[in-house]
């Protein structure tokens, strides 16, 4: 059984981290699996790339730029520039030797000039079974990665809030129709990383007649684990005598990540506490953070790609905050829990499948800034830190350990291949 996984990157972005963890866990379970990406950044043997030369990297950049430029005439606002993908540019991966040799092709996130919708169609026309792990909603919408309150993916899209052309048959309608055409009679097996995403995918016009499996992402529980808090703070140069709130994402300025709601919640928290004992630690691509916006002292760690540094960050903190308005199964939450760090978050997307209210964290309704402030306060000052920490770690060990997730995928592969041989 040969499996090839396809994802834009092996390390950059949440979907890439999740996809790499899935492939690694399958390899550790003895499955013959490799990963094909645009440009390889890691040094692991099971990753191959199409952009190995300077010419290849230039082609990749040109395709990405071309997709962005093609979208600009349709763009309603700059904030939607990377929230919507036209899928009109990419490479023909159907001819790649690893794809040709595979028994099953396993797709992940492949936008931004790596694989186009037409390129996806060429893969589906190979007649091989294709598993597609959905890391967001793009696979069943007319182009958006998260639809917000819009439910038009249940029909034909069109009237898209992200486009300056609000007509019924704008490019979201056209893209939806193109996807419907290439999915027709394909051996396509969608997998969602959360029950939440599986449910809404099953309600979409593209997958309403296709069973959608739900398999969460794994995490390396031997890497992400509790360590001594004082040691972690010392390594990062963080204060030993403060309560530390941790917030981070690949791009915390993304409106979907809810940074403004975090600011408001922290202001509410500051209004109740004047002891200067609370400080904020932020990691990821961040805009300029000023004292005018945040009422607490800030430690900006910038973008962190080193796993050891991440482990130290989670262990140095007293609570992780996720103010996201839309999210699937965030790696940051899973990483925090694995390190025994409780999470305060909005109850949105797949987050409630990881965070159990008053057990390993605190959940408030979406956008409820006062509730988020209450959750942060409770987790910082409840006197039950050890209880929450143990529950956080147990959740990951029993639900997201690599061998468990690899077993789910291996069972799916064998079920598909047995069906093909009937």
Protein backbone atom coordinates (compact mmCIF):
# COMPACT_ATOMS: atom_id res chain seq x y z
CA UNK A 1 0.00 0.00 0.00
CA UNK A 2 1.69 3.19 -1.25
CA UNK A 3 0.26 6.55 -0.17
CA UNK A 4 1.29 10.00 -1.41
CA UNK A 5 0.23 13.06 0.58
CA UNK A 6 0.03 16.40 -1.24
CA UNK A 7 0.23 19.74 0.59
CA UNK A 8 1.53 23.19 -0.36
CA UNK A 9 4.24 23.15 2.33
CA UNK A 10 5.72 20.77 4.85
CA UNK A 11 6.26 23.33 7.63
CA UNK A 12 4.61 26.70 6.93
CA UNK A 13 1.07 27.21 8.24
CA UNK A 14 -1.33 25.21 10.38
CA UNK A 15 -2.42 22.81 7.62
CA UNK A 16 1.21 22.06 6.75
CA UNK A 17 2.09 21.27 10.36
CA UNK A 18 -0.98 19.04 10.67
CA UNK A 19 -0.32 17.25 7.36
CA UNK A 20 3.32 16.58 8.29
CA UNK A 21 2.26 15.21 11.65
CA UNK A 22 -0.19 12.84 9.96
CA UNK A 23 2.47 11.59 7.52
CA UNK A 24 5.02 11.16 10.31
CA UNK A 25 2.56 9.20 12.45
CA UNK A 26 1.71 6.91 9.52
CA UNK A 27 5.41 6.30 8.84
CA UNK A 28 5.90 5.40 12.49
CA UNK A 29 3.04 2.91 12.13
CA UNK A 30 4.86 1.22 9.24
CA UNK A 31 2.76 2.59 6.36
CA UNK A 32 4.59 3.30 3.06
CA UNK A 33 3.78 7.01 2.82
CA UNK A 34 5.49 10.06 1.34
CA UNK A 35 4.66 13.75 1.05
CA UNK A 36 4.84 15.97 -2.04
CA UNK A 37 5.09 19.73 -1.46
CA UNK A 38 5.83 22.84 -3.48
CA UNK A 39 9.12 23.73 -1.83
CA UNK A 40 10.69 21.52 0.83
CA UNK A 41 11.78 23.33 4.00
CA UNK A 42 12.42 20.40 6.34
CA UNK A 43 15.17 17.79 6.15
CA UNK A 44 13.01 14.67 6.59
CA UNK A 45 13.47 11.90 4.03
CA UNK A 46 9.78 11.31 3.33
CA UNK A 47 9.18 14.80 1.88
CA UNK A 48 9.78 15.55 -1.81
CA UNK A 49 9.18 18.81 -3.67
CA UNK A 50 8.54 20.05 -7.20
CA UNK A 51 10.52 23.29 -6.81
CA UNK A 52 14.04 21.97 -6.30
CA UNK A 53 15.85 24.31 -8.69
CA UNK A 54 15.94 28.09 -8.95
CA UNK A 55 13.78 27.80 -12.07
CA UNK A 56 11.26 25.65 -10.21
CA UNK A 57 11.07 28.10 -7.32
CA UNK A 58 10.59 30.96 -9.77
CA UNK A 59 7.72 29.09 -11.47
CA UNK A 60 6.13 28.54 -8.08
CA UNK A 61 6.39 32.22 -7.18
CA UNK A 62 5.01 33.28 -10.57
CA UNK A 63 2.01 30.97 -10.21
CA UNK A 64 1.31 32.29 -6.73
CA UNK A 65 1.61 35.90 -7.89
CA UNK A 66 -0.56 35.19 -10.93
CA UNK A 67 -3.33 33.78 -8.75
CA UNK A 68 -3.23 36.86 -6.50
CA UNK A 69 -3.24 39.24 -9.50
CA UNK A 70 -6.16 37.39 -11.11
CA UNK A 71 -8.16 37.88 -7.93
CA UNK A 72 -7.51 41.62 -7.54
CA UNK A 73 -10.23 42.73 -10.05
CA UNK A 74 -12.75 40.71 -8.03
CA UNK A 75 -11.47 41.71 -4.57
CA UNK A 76 -13.96 43.56 -2.41
CA UNK A 77 -11.47 44.37 0.35
CA UNK A 78 -7.80 43.69 1.01
CA UNK A 79 -8.77 41.73 4.12
CA UNK A 80 -10.20 39.00 1.85
CA UNK A 81 -7.07 38.68 -0.34
CA UNK A 82 -5.97 35.42 1.23
CA UNK A 83 -9.34 34.43 2.66
CA UNK A 84 -10.53 33.53 -0.86
CA UNK A 85 -8.67 31.36 -3.40
CA UNK A 86 -9.61 31.18 -7.06
CA UNK A 87 -7.63 28.01 -7.64
CA UNK A 88 -6.78 29.02 -11.19
CA UNK A 89 -3.03 28.45 -11.19
CA UNK A 90 -0.81 25.50 -10.38
CA UNK A 91 1.28 22.55 -11.52
CA UNK A 92 0.17 19.32 -13.19
CA UNK A 93 0.92 16.94 -10.34
CA UNK A 94 -0.91 14.03 -12.00
CA UNK A 95 2.27 13.19 -13.96
CA UNK A 96 4.60 13.22 -10.96
CA UNK A 97 6.24 9.78 -10.37
CA UNK A 98 5.11 9.61 -6.74
CA UNK A 99 1.50 10.29 -7.79
CA UNK A 100 1.73 7.77 -10.61
CA UNK A 101 3.09 5.08 -8.26
CA UNK A 102 0.60 5.64 -5.43
CA UNK A 103 -2.29 3.32 -4.60
CA UNK A 104 -4.05 6.18 -2.81
CA UNK A 105 -3.55 9.94 -3.28
CA UNK A 106 -4.09 11.92 -0.09
CA UNK A 107 -4.71 15.65 -0.52
CA UNK A 108 -4.44 18.37 2.10
CA UNK A 109 -4.15 22.18 1.53
CA UNK A 110 -2.83 23.04 -1.94
CA UNK A 111 -3.83 26.61 -2.87
CA UNK A 112 -1.69 29.67 -3.71
CA UNK A 113 -0.31 28.47 -7.04
CA UNK A 114 0.54 24.85 -6.16
CA UNK A 115 -2.48 22.95 -7.51
CA UNK A 116 -5.38 24.49 -9.44
CA UNK A 117 -8.95 23.24 -9.64
CA UNK A 118 -8.21 21.96 -13.15
CA UNK A 119 -5.06 20.29 -11.81
CA UNK A 120 -7.19 18.66 -9.14
CA UNK A 121 -9.45 17.43 -11.92
CA UNK A 122 -6.48 15.77 -13.65
CA UNK A 123 -5.62 13.93 -10.42
CA UNK A 124 -9.20 12.75 -10.01
CA UNK A 125 -9.26 11.54 -13.63
CA UNK A 126 -6.40 9.13 -12.88
CA UNK A 127 -9.09 6.84 -11.50
CA UNK A 128 -7.25 6.32 -8.22
CA UNK A 129 -8.96 6.74 -4.85
CA UNK A 130 -8.33 10.22 -3.46
CA UNK A 131 -8.57 10.98 0.26
CA UNK A 132 -8.86 14.70 0.97
CA UNK A 133 -8.26 15.97 4.49
CA UNK A 134 -10.16 19.26 4.73
CA UNK A 135 -8.27 21.77 6.86
CA UNK A 136 -10.82 24.49 6.09
CA UNK A 137 -13.97 24.94 3.99
CA UNK A 138 -12.43 25.67 0.56
CA UNK A 139 -13.03 22.16 -0.77
CA UNK A 140 -16.80 22.64 -0.68
CA UNK A 141 -17.25 26.39 -1.23
CA UNK A 142 -17.04 28.70 -4.22
CA UNK A 143 -13.65 29.96 -3.07
CA UNK A 144 -13.68 31.11 0.56
CA UNK A 145 -11.69 29.23 3.19
CA UNK A 146 -14.17 30.11 5.94
CA UNK A 147 -17.68 31.30 5.11
CA UNK A 148 -18.61 33.02 8.39
CA UNK A 149 -22.40 33.20 8.61
CA UNK A 150 -22.85 32.60 4.87
CA UNK A 151 -24.52 29.27 4.05
CA UNK A 152 -24.57 29.55 0.26
CA UNK A 153 -22.18 26.60 -0.02
CA UNK A 154 -25.30 24.50 0.58
CA UNK A 155 -26.54 25.61 -2.85
CA UNK A 156 -24.45 27.08 -5.67
CA UNK A 157 -22.62 29.93 -3.91
CA UNK A 158 -22.77 33.22 -5.82
CA UNK A 159 -23.66 36.52 -4.10
CA UNK A 160 -20.30 36.17 -2.31
CA UNK A 161 -19.58 38.70 0.46
CA UNK A 162 -15.85 38.65 -0.38
CA UNK A 163 -16.28 39.76 -4.00
CA UNK A 164 -16.97 43.21 -5.42
CA UNK A 165 -19.39 41.64 -7.90
CA UNK A 166 -22.38 40.63 -5.81
CA UNK A 167 -24.31 39.01 -8.66
CA UNK A 168 -25.67 35.49 -8.41
CA UNK A 169 -23.32 34.19 -11.11
CA UNK A 170 -20.04 35.76 -10.06
CA UNK A 171 -16.76 33.82 -9.86
CA UNK A 172 -17.82 31.98 -6.68
CA UNK A 173 -20.75 30.51 -8.64
CA UNK A 174 -18.45 29.62 -11.56
CA UNK A 175 -15.87 28.01 -9.28
CA UNK A 176 -18.56 26.03 -7.46
CA UNK A 177 -19.86 24.73 -10.79
CA UNK A 178 -16.34 23.75 -11.88
CA UNK A 179 -15.76 21.82 -8.66
CA UNK A 180 -19.11 20.08 -9.03
CA UNK A 181 -18.12 19.00 -12.53
CA UNK A 182 -14.74 17.53 -11.57
CA UNK A 183 -16.02 15.85 -8.39
CA UNK A 184 -18.73 14.04 -10.35
CA UNK A 185 -18.12 10.28 -10.23
CA UNK A 186 -14.63 10.78 -8.78
CA UNK A 187 -13.34 8.32 -6.20
CA UNK A 188 -13.19 11.08 -3.62
CA UNK A 189 -13.14 10.41 0.12
CA UNK A 190 -13.30 13.66 2.14
CA UNK A 191 -12.02 13.67 5.71
CA UNK A 192 -12.62 16.54 8.15
CA UNK A 193 -10.30 17.32 11.05
CA UNK A 194 -13.25 17.98 13.33
CA UNK A 195 -16.84 16.82 13.74
CA UNK A 196 -17.89 20.43 13.24
CA UNK A 197 -16.28 20.62 9.78
CA UNK A 198 -17.55 17.15 8.85
CA UNK A 199 -21.10 18.22 9.66
CA UNK A 200 -21.08 21.40 7.57
CA UNK A 201 -19.22 19.67 4.71
CA UNK A 202 -21.99 17.09 4.65
CA UNK A 203 -24.52 19.91 4.29
CA UNK A 204 -22.75 21.39 1.26
CA UNK A 205 -23.94 21.01 -2.32
CA UNK A 206 -20.64 19.35 -3.23
CA UNK A 207 -20.49 16.71 -0.49
CA UNK A 208 -24.12 16.20 0.56
CA UNK A 209 -24.17 12.81 -1.20
CA UNK A 210 -20.64 11.85 -0.15
CA UNK A 211 -19.82 10.39 3.28
CA UNK A 212 -17.45 12.70 5.15
CA UNK A 213 -15.22 10.97 7.71
CA UNK A 214 -14.03 12.82 10.82
CA UNK A 215 -10.44 12.17 11.94
CA UNK A 216 -8.63 14.72 14.13
CA UNK A 217 -5.03 15.76 13.65
CA UNK A 218 -2.30 14.12 15.74
CA UNK A 219 0.39 15.73 17.87
CA UNK A 220 3.76 14.41 19.02
CA UNK A 221 3.06 13.84 22.72
CA UNK A 222 6.73 13.06 23.38
CA UNK A 223 7.79 16.46 22.05
CA UNK A 224 4.90 18.60 23.28
CA UNK A 225 4.79 17.73 26.96
CA UNK A 226 4.89 19.42 30.37
CA UNK A 227 8.32 20.59 31.54
CA UNK A 228 9.48 22.72 34.46
CA UNK A 229 7.89 26.19 34.26
CA UNK A 230 10.81 28.02 35.83
CA UNK A 231 13.27 26.44 33.41
CA UNK A 232 11.06 27.31 30.42
CA UNK A 233 10.81 30.95 31.51
CA UNK A 234 14.53 31.20 32.12
CA UNK A 235 15.33 29.90 28.62
CA UNK A 236 12.98 32.48 27.06
CA UNK A 237 13.98 35.36 29.30
CA UNK A 238 10.46 35.70 30.71
CA UNK A 239 9.71 36.90 34.27
CA UNK A 240 9.41 34.29 37.01
CA UNK A 241 7.05 36.29 39.24
CA UNK A 242 4.22 37.12 36.79
CA UNK A 243 1.06 35.44 35.55
CA UNK A 244 1.63 34.99 31.81
CA UNK A 245 -1.12 34.94 29.20
CA UNK A 246 -0.05 33.36 25.90
CA UNK A 247 -1.58 34.16 22.50
CA UNK A 248 -0.24 33.12 19.12
CA UNK A 249 -0.97 32.12 15.53
CA UNK A 250 0.84 32.07 12.19
CA UNK A 251 -0.68 35.50 11.54
CA UNK A 252 -2.35 36.96 14.60
CA UNK A 253 -3.46 39.99 12.55
CA UNK A 254 -5.88 37.81 10.54
CA UNK A 255 -9.36 39.16 11.50
CA UNK A 256 -10.56 35.56 11.86
CA UNK A 257 -8.12 35.09 14.74
CA UNK A 258 -10.02 37.69 16.82
CA UNK A 259 -7.13 39.76 18.13
CA UNK A 260 -9.38 42.80 18.66
CA UNK A 261 -11.64 40.69 20.88
CA UNK A 262 -8.61 39.66 22.90
CA UNK A 263 -7.63 43.32 23.34
CA UNK A 264 -11.11 44.13 24.65
CA UNK A 265 -11.13 41.11 26.98
CA UNK A 266 -7.74 42.09 28.38
CA UNK A 267 -8.97 45.62 28.99
CA UNK A 268 -11.92 44.22 30.95
CA UNK A 269 -9.48 42.06 32.90
CA UNK A 270 -7.22 45.05 33.60
CA UNK A 271 -10.17 47.05 34.92
CA UNK A 272 -10.60 44.40 37.63
CA UNK A 273 -6.93 43.87 38.44
CA UNK A 274 -4.52 46.67 39.18
CA UNK A 275 -1.72 44.60 40.73
CA UNK A 276 0.53 44.60 37.63
CA UNK A 277 0.97 40.88 38.10
CA UNK A 278 -0.30 39.90 34.63
CA UNK A 279 1.71 40.07 31.41
CA UNK A 280 1.05 39.01 27.80
CA UNK A 281 3.27 36.84 25.60
CA UNK A 282 2.54 36.87 21.84
CA UNK A 283 4.08 34.74 19.10
CA UNK A 284 3.49 34.72 15.34
CA UNK A 285 3.40 37.31 12.60
CA UNK A 286 2.20 40.36 14.50
CA UNK A 287 1.37 43.96 13.72
CA UNK A 288 2.91 46.65 15.91
CA UNK A 289 1.70 46.05 19.46
CA UNK A 290 1.45 49.18 21.58
CA UNK A 291 0.66 49.88 25.21
CA UNK A 292 -2.30 51.95 24.03
CA UNK A 293 -3.99 48.80 22.78
CA UNK A 294 -2.87 46.31 25.43
CA UNK A 295 -3.17 47.18 29.12
CA UNK A 296 -0.43 44.73 30.16
CA UNK A 297 3.28 44.50 29.54
CA UNK A 298 3.92 42.61 26.28
CA UNK A 299 6.61 40.10 25.32
CA UNK A 300 6.60 39.82 21.49
CA UNK A 301 8.28 36.56 20.45
CA UNK A 302 7.62 37.06 16.71
CA UNK A 303 7.27 34.09 14.34
CA UNK A 304 8.38 30.84 15.97
CA UNK A 305 9.13 27.78 13.85
CA UNK A 306 11.41 25.94 16.26
CA UNK A 307 9.46 23.24 18.12
CA UNK A 308 11.62 23.44 21.25
CA UNK A 309 10.90 27.17 21.56
CA UNK A 310 7.17 26.50 21.19
CA UNK A 311 7.29 23.86 23.91
CA UNK A 312 9.03 26.34 26.20
CA UNK A 313 6.43 29.02 25.41
CA UNK A 314 3.49 26.79 26.30
CA UNK A 315 5.18 25.62 29.49
CA UNK A 316 6.18 29.14 30.50
CA UNK A 317 2.59 30.41 30.32
CA UNK A 318 -0.27 30.09 32.80
CA UNK A 319 -3.08 30.18 30.23
CA UNK A 320 -3.38 30.09 26.45
CA UNK A 321 -6.05 32.29 24.87
CA UNK A 322 -7.75 31.56 21.54
CA UNK A 323 -10.13 34.40 20.58
CA UNK A 324 -10.73 32.97 17.06
CA UNK A 325 -14.15 33.61 15.53
CA UNK A 326 -13.72 30.75 13.05
CA UNK A 327 -11.36 27.81 13.35
CA UNK A 328 -11.26 24.11 12.57
CA UNK A 329 -9.00 22.19 14.96
CA UNK A 330 -6.26 24.71 15.83
CA UNK A 331 -2.77 23.27 16.29
CA UNK A 332 -2.05 25.90 18.93
CA UNK A 333 -4.82 24.62 21.19
CA UNK A 334 -3.66 21.04 20.80
CA UNK A 335 -0.05 22.04 21.49
CA UNK A 336 -1.06 23.99 24.58
CA UNK A 337 -3.11 21.13 25.99
CA UNK A 338 -0.31 18.65 25.29
CA UNK A 339 1.99 20.81 27.42
CA UNK A 340 -0.57 20.83 30.22
CA UNK A 341 -1.62 24.43 29.57
CA UNK A 342 -5.36 25.20 30.00
CA UNK A 343 -7.11 27.19 27.26
CA UNK A 344 -9.60 30.07 27.36
CA UNK A 345 -11.43 30.31 24.04
CA UNK A 346 -14.61 31.12 22.19
CA UNK A 347 -16.81 28.09 21.60
CA UNK A 348 -16.43 27.98 17.82
CA UNK A 349 -15.66 25.41 15.12
CA UNK A 350 -13.85 22.35 16.40
CA UNK A 351 -12.53 24.02 19.56
CA UNK A 352 -15.17 22.42 21.86
CA UNK A 353 -13.92 19.03 20.66
CA UNK A 354 -10.61 19.81 22.36
CA UNK A 355 -11.49 22.15 25.22
CA UNK A 356 -14.00 20.89 27.78
CA UNK A 357 -15.50 23.76 29.74
CA UNK A 358 -14.37 23.88 33.39
CA UNK A 359 -12.28 20.74 32.87
CA UNK A 360 -9.20 21.60 30.83
CA UNK A 361 -10.15 25.16 29.99
CA UNK A 362 -12.93 27.71 29.72
CA UNK A 363 -15.31 28.31 26.80
CA UNK A 364 -17.43 31.40 26.20
CA UNK A 365 -19.85 32.07 23.38
CA UNK A 366 -18.44 33.44 20.13
CA UNK A 367 -17.48 37.10 20.44
CA UNK A 368 -18.32 37.28 24.16
CA UNK A 369 -15.42 39.42 25.35
CA UNK A 370 -16.65 39.58 28.95
CA UNK A 371 -16.91 35.79 28.99
CA UNK A 372 -13.41 35.45 27.57
CA UNK A 373 -12.08 37.81 30.26
CA UNK A 374 -13.87 35.75 32.90
CA UNK A 375 -12.30 32.58 31.54
CA UNK A 376 -8.79 34.04 31.58
CA UNK A 377 -9.30 35.26 35.14
CA UNK A 378 -10.63 31.90 36.33
CA UNK A 379 -7.75 29.96 34.81
CA UNK A 380 -5.18 32.38 36.24
CA UNK A 381 -6.55 32.62 39.76
CA UNK A 382 -8.71 29.56 40.55
CA UNK A 383 -6.19 27.73 42.75
CA UNK A 384 -6.78 24.52 40.73
CA UNK A 385 -3.98 24.94 38.21
CA UNK A 386 -2.70 21.39 38.64
CA UNK A 387 -6.15 19.87 38.11
CA UNK A 388 -6.67 21.80 34.86
CA UNK A 389 -3.15 20.97 33.69
CA UNK A 390 -3.57 17.22 34.24
CA UNK A 391 -6.94 17.25 32.43
CA UNK A 392 -5.41 19.13 29.51
CA UNK A 393 -2.65 16.56 29.08
CA UNK A 394 -5.03 13.60 29.46
CA UNK A 395 -7.30 14.93 26.70
CA UNK A 396 -4.44 14.88 24.20
CA UNK A 397 -3.08 11.50 25.26
CA UNK A 398 -6.46 9.80 24.85
CA UNK A 399 -7.70 11.59 21.72
CA UNK A 400 -4.82 12.94 19.61
CA UNK A 401 -1.81 10.66 20.17
CA UNK A 402 -0.07 9.84 16.84
CA UNK A 403 -0.61 6.07 16.96
CA UNK A 404 -4.35 6.60 17.48
CA UNK A 405 -4.74 8.94 14.49
CA UNK A 406 -2.48 6.83 12.27
CA UNK A 407 -4.66 3.83 13.10
CA UNK A 408 -7.78 5.70 11.97
CA UNK A 409 -6.20 6.65 8.64
CA UNK A 410 -4.73 3.20 8.04
CA UNK A 411 -8.16 1.67 8.64
CA UNK A 412 -9.68 4.14 6.15
CA UNK A 413 -7.04 3.30 3.52
CA UNK A 414 -7.64 -0.44 3.88
CA UNK A 415 -11.39 0.02 3.71
CA UNK A 416 -11.02 2.02 0.49
CA UNK A 417 -8.65 -0.48 -1.12
CA UNK A 418 -10.84 -3.42 -0.14
CA UNK A 419 -13.80 -1.62 -1.71
CA UNK A 420 -11.78 -1.06 -4.90
CA UNK A 421 -10.98 -4.79 -5.12
CA UNK A 422 -14.55 -6.02 -4.58
